[in-house]
C-alpha atoms as a PDB file:
ATOM      1  CA  MET A   1     -17.185  -0.765  18.836  1.00  0.00           C
ATOM      2  CA  ARG A   2     -14.017   0.413  17.153  1.00  0.00           C
ATOM      3  CA  VAL A   3     -10.959  -1.615  16.266  1.00  0.00           C
ATOM      4  CA  ILE A   4      -7.713  -0.533  14.692  1.00  0.00           C
ATOM      5  CA  LEU A   5      -6.405  -3.646  12.941  1.00  0.00           C
ATOM      6  CA  GLN A   6      -2.738  -3.678  12.002  1.00  0.00           C
ATOM      7  CA  ARG A   7      -1.043  -6.469  10.097  1.00  0.00           C
ATOM      8  CA  VAL A   8       2.220  -7.150  11.921  1.00  0.00           C
ATOM      9  CA  THR A   9       5.377  -9.179  11.647  1.00  0.00           C
ATOM     10  CA  SER A  10       5.530  -8.992  15.457  1.00  0.00           C
ATOM     11  CA  SER A  11       3.997  -7.104  18.355  1.00  0.00           C
ATOM     12  CA  GLN A  12       4.329  -7.077  22.119  1.00  0.00           C
ATOM     13  CA  VAL A  13       2.941  -5.314  25.150  1.00  0.00           C
ATOM     14  CA  LEU A  14       4.742  -4.443  28.375  1.00  0.00           C
ATOM     15  CA  VAL A  15       3.286  -3.515  31.762  1.00  0.00           C
ATOM     16  CA  ALA A  16       5.712  -2.183  34.383  1.00  0.00           C
ATOM     17  CA  GLY A  17       8.620  -3.239  32.164  1.00  0.00           C
ATOM     18  CA  GLU A  18       7.445  -6.861  31.870  1.00  0.00           C
ATOM     19  CA  VAL A  19       6.311  -8.476  28.603  1.00  0.00           C
ATOM     20  CA  ILE A  20       2.776  -9.766  29.214  1.00  0.00           C
ATOM     21  CA  GLY A  21       1.768 -10.466  25.611  1.00  0.00           C
ATOM     22  CA  LYS A  22       3.810 -11.169  22.501  1.00  0.00           C
ATOM     23  CA  ILE A  23       3.035 -12.414  19.002  1.00  0.00           C
ATOM     24  CA  ASP A  24       4.795 -13.084  15.742  1.00  0.00           C
ATOM     25  CA  ARG A  25       3.115 -12.773  12.311  1.00  0.00           C
ATOM     26  CA  GLY A  26      -0.513 -11.807  12.629  1.00  0.00           C
ATOM     27  CA  VAL A  27      -2.629  -8.837  13.658  1.00  0.00           C
ATOM     28  CA  ASN A  28      -2.527  -6.294  16.441  1.00  0.00           C
ATOM     29  CA  LEU A  29      -6.018  -5.169  17.490  1.00  0.00           C
ATOM     30  CA  LEU A  30      -6.522  -1.913  19.396  1.00  0.00           C
ATOM     31  CA  VAL A  31     -10.064  -2.210  20.785  1.00  0.00           C
ATOM     32  CA  GLY A  32     -12.466   0.484  21.977  1.00  0.00           C
ATOM     33  CA  ILE A  33     -15.847  -0.378  23.482  1.00  0.00           C
ATOM     34  CA  ALA A  34     -18.749   2.101  23.274  1.00  0.00           C
ATOM     35  CA  GLU A  35     -21.434   2.508  25.913  1.00  0.00           C
ATOM     36  CA  THR A  36     -24.027   1.316  23.373  1.00  0.00           C
ATOM     37  CA  ASP A  37     -22.201  -1.878  22.309  1.00  0.00           C
ATOM     38  CA  THR A  38     -23.965  -5.229  22.699  1.00  0.00           C
ATOM     39  CA  GLU A  39     -23.170  -8.887  22.121  1.00  0.00           C
ATOM     40  CA  ALA A  40     -24.155  -8.373  18.466  1.00  0.00           C
ATOM     41  CA  GLU A  41     -21.306  -5.887  17.947  1.00  0.00           C
ATOM     42  CA  LEU A  42     -18.857  -8.274  19.615  1.00  0.00           C
ATOM     43  CA  ASP A  43     -19.960 -11.161  17.373  1.00  0.00           C
ATOM     44  CA  TRP A  44     -19.741  -9.052  14.212  1.00  0.00           C
ATOM     45  CA  MET A  45     -16.332  -7.604  15.079  1.00  0.00           C
ATOM     46  CA  ALA A  46     -14.800 -10.954  16.064  1.00  0.00           C
ATOM     47  CA  ARG A  47     -15.998 -12.497  12.786  1.00  0.00           C
ATOM     48  CA  LYS A  48     -14.724  -9.499  10.803  1.00  0.00           C
ATOM     49  CA  CYS A  49     -11.275  -9.617  12.442  1.00  0.00           C
ATOM     50  CA  LEU A  50     -10.978 -13.374  11.855  1.00  0.00           C
ATOM     51  CA  ASP A  51     -12.287 -13.403   8.267  1.00  0.00           C
ATOM     52  CA  LEU A  52     -10.902 -10.163   6.827  1.00  0.00           C
ATOM     53  CA  ARG A  53      -8.410 -10.869   4.052  1.00  0.00           C
ATOM     54  CA  VAL A  54      -5.359  -8.727   4.789  1.00  0.00           C
ATOM     55  CA  PHE A  55      -2.525 -11.179   4.088  1.00  0.00           C
ATOM     56  CA  PRO A  56      -0.915 -11.709   0.680  1.00  0.00           C
ATOM     57  CA  ASP A  57      -1.083 -14.969  -1.209  1.00  0.00           C
ATOM     58  CA  GLY A  58       1.693 -15.220  -3.739  1.00  0.00           C
ATOM     59  CA  GLU A  59       3.953 -12.651  -5.306  1.00  0.00           C
ATOM     60  CA  GLN A  60       1.294 -10.146  -6.370  1.00  0.00           C
ATOM     61  CA  GLY A  61       0.786  -9.041  -2.774  1.00  0.00           C
ATOM     62  CA  ARG A  62      -3.014  -9.001  -3.058  1.00  0.00           C
ATOM     63  CA  PHE A  63      -5.045  -9.296   0.113  1.00  0.00           C
ATOM     64  CA  ASP A  64      -6.193 -12.886  -0.387  1.00  0.00           C
ATOM     65  CA  ARG A  65      -5.830 -14.616   2.983  1.00  0.00           C
ATOM     66  CA  SER A  66      -7.314 -14.140   6.445  1.00  0.00           C
ATOM     67  CA  ILE A  67      -5.580 -14.502   9.807  1.00  0.00           C
ATOM     68  CA  GLN A  68      -7.156 -17.953  10.074  1.00  0.00           C
ATOM     69  CA  GLU A  69      -5.879 -19.039   6.666  1.00  0.00           C
ATOM     70  CA  ILE A  70      -2.278 -18.205   7.578  1.00  0.00           C
ATOM     71  CA  ASN A  71      -2.647 -19.582  11.135  1.00  0.00           C
ATOM     72  CA  GLY A  72      -1.482 -16.196  12.408  1.00  0.00           C
ATOM     73  CA  GLU A  73      -1.426 -14.771  15.910  1.00  0.00           C
ATOM     74  CA  ILE A  74      -3.464 -11.991  17.519  1.00  0.00           C
ATOM     75  CA  LEU A  75      -2.540  -9.387  20.141  1.00  0.00           C
ATOM     76  CA  VAL A  76      -5.560  -7.564  21.601  1.00  0.00           C
ATOM     77  CA  ILE A  77      -5.075  -4.264  23.443  1.00  0.00           C
ATOM     78  CA  SER A  78      -7.903  -2.376  25.159  1.00  0.00           C
ATOM     79  CA  GLN A  79      -7.920   1.270  24.111  1.00  0.00           C
ATOM     80  CA  PHE A  80     -10.757   3.474  25.359  1.00  0.00           C
ATOM     81  CA  THR A  81      -9.042   6.469  23.735  1.00  0.00           C
ATOM     82  CA  LEU A  82     -10.470   5.286  20.384  1.00  0.00           C
ATOM     83  CA  TYR A  83     -13.632   7.003  21.643  1.00  0.00           C
ATOM     84  CA  GLY A  84     -11.887  10.306  22.371  1.00  0.00           C
ATOM     85  CA  ASP A  85     -13.915  13.159  20.887  1.00  0.00           C
ATOM     86  CA  CYS A  86     -11.597  16.068  20.056  1.00  0.00           C
ATOM     87  CA  ARG A  87     -14.053  18.349  18.269  1.00  0.00           C
ATOM     88  CA  LYS A  88     -14.340  20.830  21.149  1.00  0.00           C
ATOM     89  CA  GLY A  89     -11.701  22.351  23.365  1.00  0.00           C
ATOM     90  CA  ARG A  90      -8.185  21.077  23.917  1.00  0.00           C
ATOM     91  CA  ARG A  91      -8.941  17.972  25.961  1.00  0.00           C
ATOM     92  CA  PRO A  92     -10.641  14.848  24.534  1.00  0.00           C
ATOM     93  CA  SER A  93     -14.039  13.846  25.850  1.00  0.00           C
ATOM     94  CA  PHE A  94     -14.644  10.147  26.412  1.00  0.00           C
ATOM     95  CA  ASP A  95     -18.413  10.316  26.915  1.00  0.00           C
ATOM     96  CA  GLN A  96     -19.086   7.683  24.233  1.00  0.00           C
ATOM     97  CA  ALA A  97     -16.719   5.110  25.778  1.00  0.00           C
ATOM     98  CA  ALA A  98     -18.236   2.399  27.946  1.00  0.00           C
ATOM     99  CA  ALA A  99     -17.787   2.662  31.712  1.00  0.00           C
ATOM    100  CA  PRO A 100     -14.684   0.734  32.858  1.00  0.00           C
ATOM    101  CA  ASN A 101     -16.502  -2.223  34.489  1.00  0.00           C
ATOM    102  CA  ARG A 102     -18.777  -2.773  31.521  1.00  0.00           C
ATOM    103  CA  ALA A 103     -15.975  -2.176  29.003  1.00  0.00           C
ATOM    104  CA  GLU A 104     -13.757  -4.751  30.712  1.00  0.00           C
ATOM    105  CA  GLN A 105     -16.512  -7.387  30.588  1.00  0.00           C
ATOM    106  CA  MET A 106     -17.156  -6.680  26.906  1.00  0.00           C
ATOM    107  CA  TYR A 107     -13.425  -6.680  26.112  1.00  0.00           C
ATOM    108  CA  GLU A 108     -12.939 -10.042  27.849  1.00  0.00           C
ATOM    109  CA  ARG A 109     -15.933 -11.466  25.978  1.00  0.00           C
ATOM    110  CA  PHE A 110     -14.456 -10.232  22.660  1.00  0.00           C
ATOM    111  CA  VAL A 111     -11.139 -11.940  23.474  1.00  0.00           C
ATOM    112  CA  GLU A 112     -13.030 -15.187  24.262  1.00  0.00           C
ATOM    113  CA  LYS A 113     -14.731 -15.037  20.870  1.00  0.00           C
ATOM    114  CA  LEU A 114     -11.361 -14.649  19.132  1.00  0.00           C
ATOM    115  CA  ARG A 115      -9.888 -17.550  21.131  1.00  0.00           C
ATOM    116  CA  GLU A 116     -12.711 -19.804  19.949  1.00  0.00           C
ATOM    117  CA  SER A 117     -10.949 -19.733  16.554  1.00  0.00           C
ATOM    118  CA  GLY A 118      -8.116 -21.836  17.985  1.00  0.00           C
ATOM    119  CA  LEU A 119      -5.522 -19.212  17.069  1.00  0.00           C
ATOM    120  CA  LYS A 120      -2.950 -17.915  19.548  1.00  0.00           C
ATOM    121  CA  VAL A 121      -4.489 -14.817  21.163  1.00  0.00           C
ATOM    122  CA  GLU A 122      -2.463 -12.685  23.571  1.00  0.00           C
ATOM    123  CA  THR A 123      -3.666  -9.586  25.432  1.00  0.00           C
ATOM    124  CA  GLY A 124      -2.552  -6.548  27.300  1.00  0.00           C
ATOM    125  CA  LYS A 125      -3.884  -5.739  30.777  1.00  0.00           C
ATOM    126  CA  PHE A 126      -7.187  -3.886  30.845  1.00  0.00           C
ATOM    127  CA  GLY A 127      -6.868  -0.450  32.436  1.00  0.00           C
ATOM    128  CA  ALA A 128      -3.090  -0.637  32.850  1.00  0.00           C
ATOM    129  CA  MET A 129      -0.489   1.763  31.493  1.00  0.00           C
ATOM    130  CA  MET A 130       1.018  -0.255  28.655  1.00  0.00           C
ATOM    131  CA  GLN A 131       3.851   0.134  26.199  1.00  0.00           C
ATOM    132  CA  VAL A 132       2.899  -1.501  22.899  1.00  0.00           C
ATOM    133  CA  SER A 133       5.503  -2.281  20.240  1.00  0.00           C
ATOM    134  CA  ILE A 134       4.022  -2.835  16.811  1.00  0.00           C
ATOM    135  CA  GLU A 135       6.079  -3.851  13.788  1.00  0.00           C
ATOM    136  CA  ASN A 136       3.494  -3.003  11.140  1.00  0.00           C
ATOM    137  CA  ASP A 137       3.772  -5.156   8.022  1.00  0.00           C
ATOM    138  CA  GLY A 138       3.140  -3.313   4.781  1.00  0.00           C
ATOM    139  CA  PRO A 139       2.175  -1.069   6.503  1.00  0.00           C
ATOM    140  CA  VAL A 140      -1.404  -2.298   6.668  1.00  0.00           C
ATOM    141  CA  THR A 141      -3.695  -0.453   9.089  1.00  0.00           C
ATOM    142  CA  LEU A 142      -7.495  -0.569   8.916  1.00  0.00           C
ATOM    143  CA  ILE A 143     -10.225   1.067  10.983  1.00  0.00           C
ATOM    144  CA  LEU A 144     -13.193  -1.201  11.735  1.00  0.00           C
ATOM    145  CA  GLU A 145     -16.388   0.110  13.285  1.00  0.00           C
ATOM    146  CA  LYS A 146     -19.747  -1.417  14.099  1.00  0.00           C
END
């Protein structure tokens, strides 16, 4: 499982010109599911995303607070292209990405785990062509992998 976590002041996702998910201060999560991922990876990643200290506390700007501690918001976007292998040729291979049906189930389960935190969690639409606007704060962008 791979997640690109971005601290944001706001983020939104559009499908066919319509806003289907929108958040204010929080994190934008671009999520890729691998064929080998299990419930254990989902549990670990949800905990990591909720507990990771990426928000400043005070004037020093140190990463002292988690998304939960600031009562932030989360926008989760499915992104199988995180498993694009570009080492050979001119076209990415997505052999490591989970098959769409399985990936969608795992993605939905991951979103459920995040929602259990009580925070506002918005999503894109799995498998849809989406336009994602991300106002990165900092900028802070981290790659998480399990």
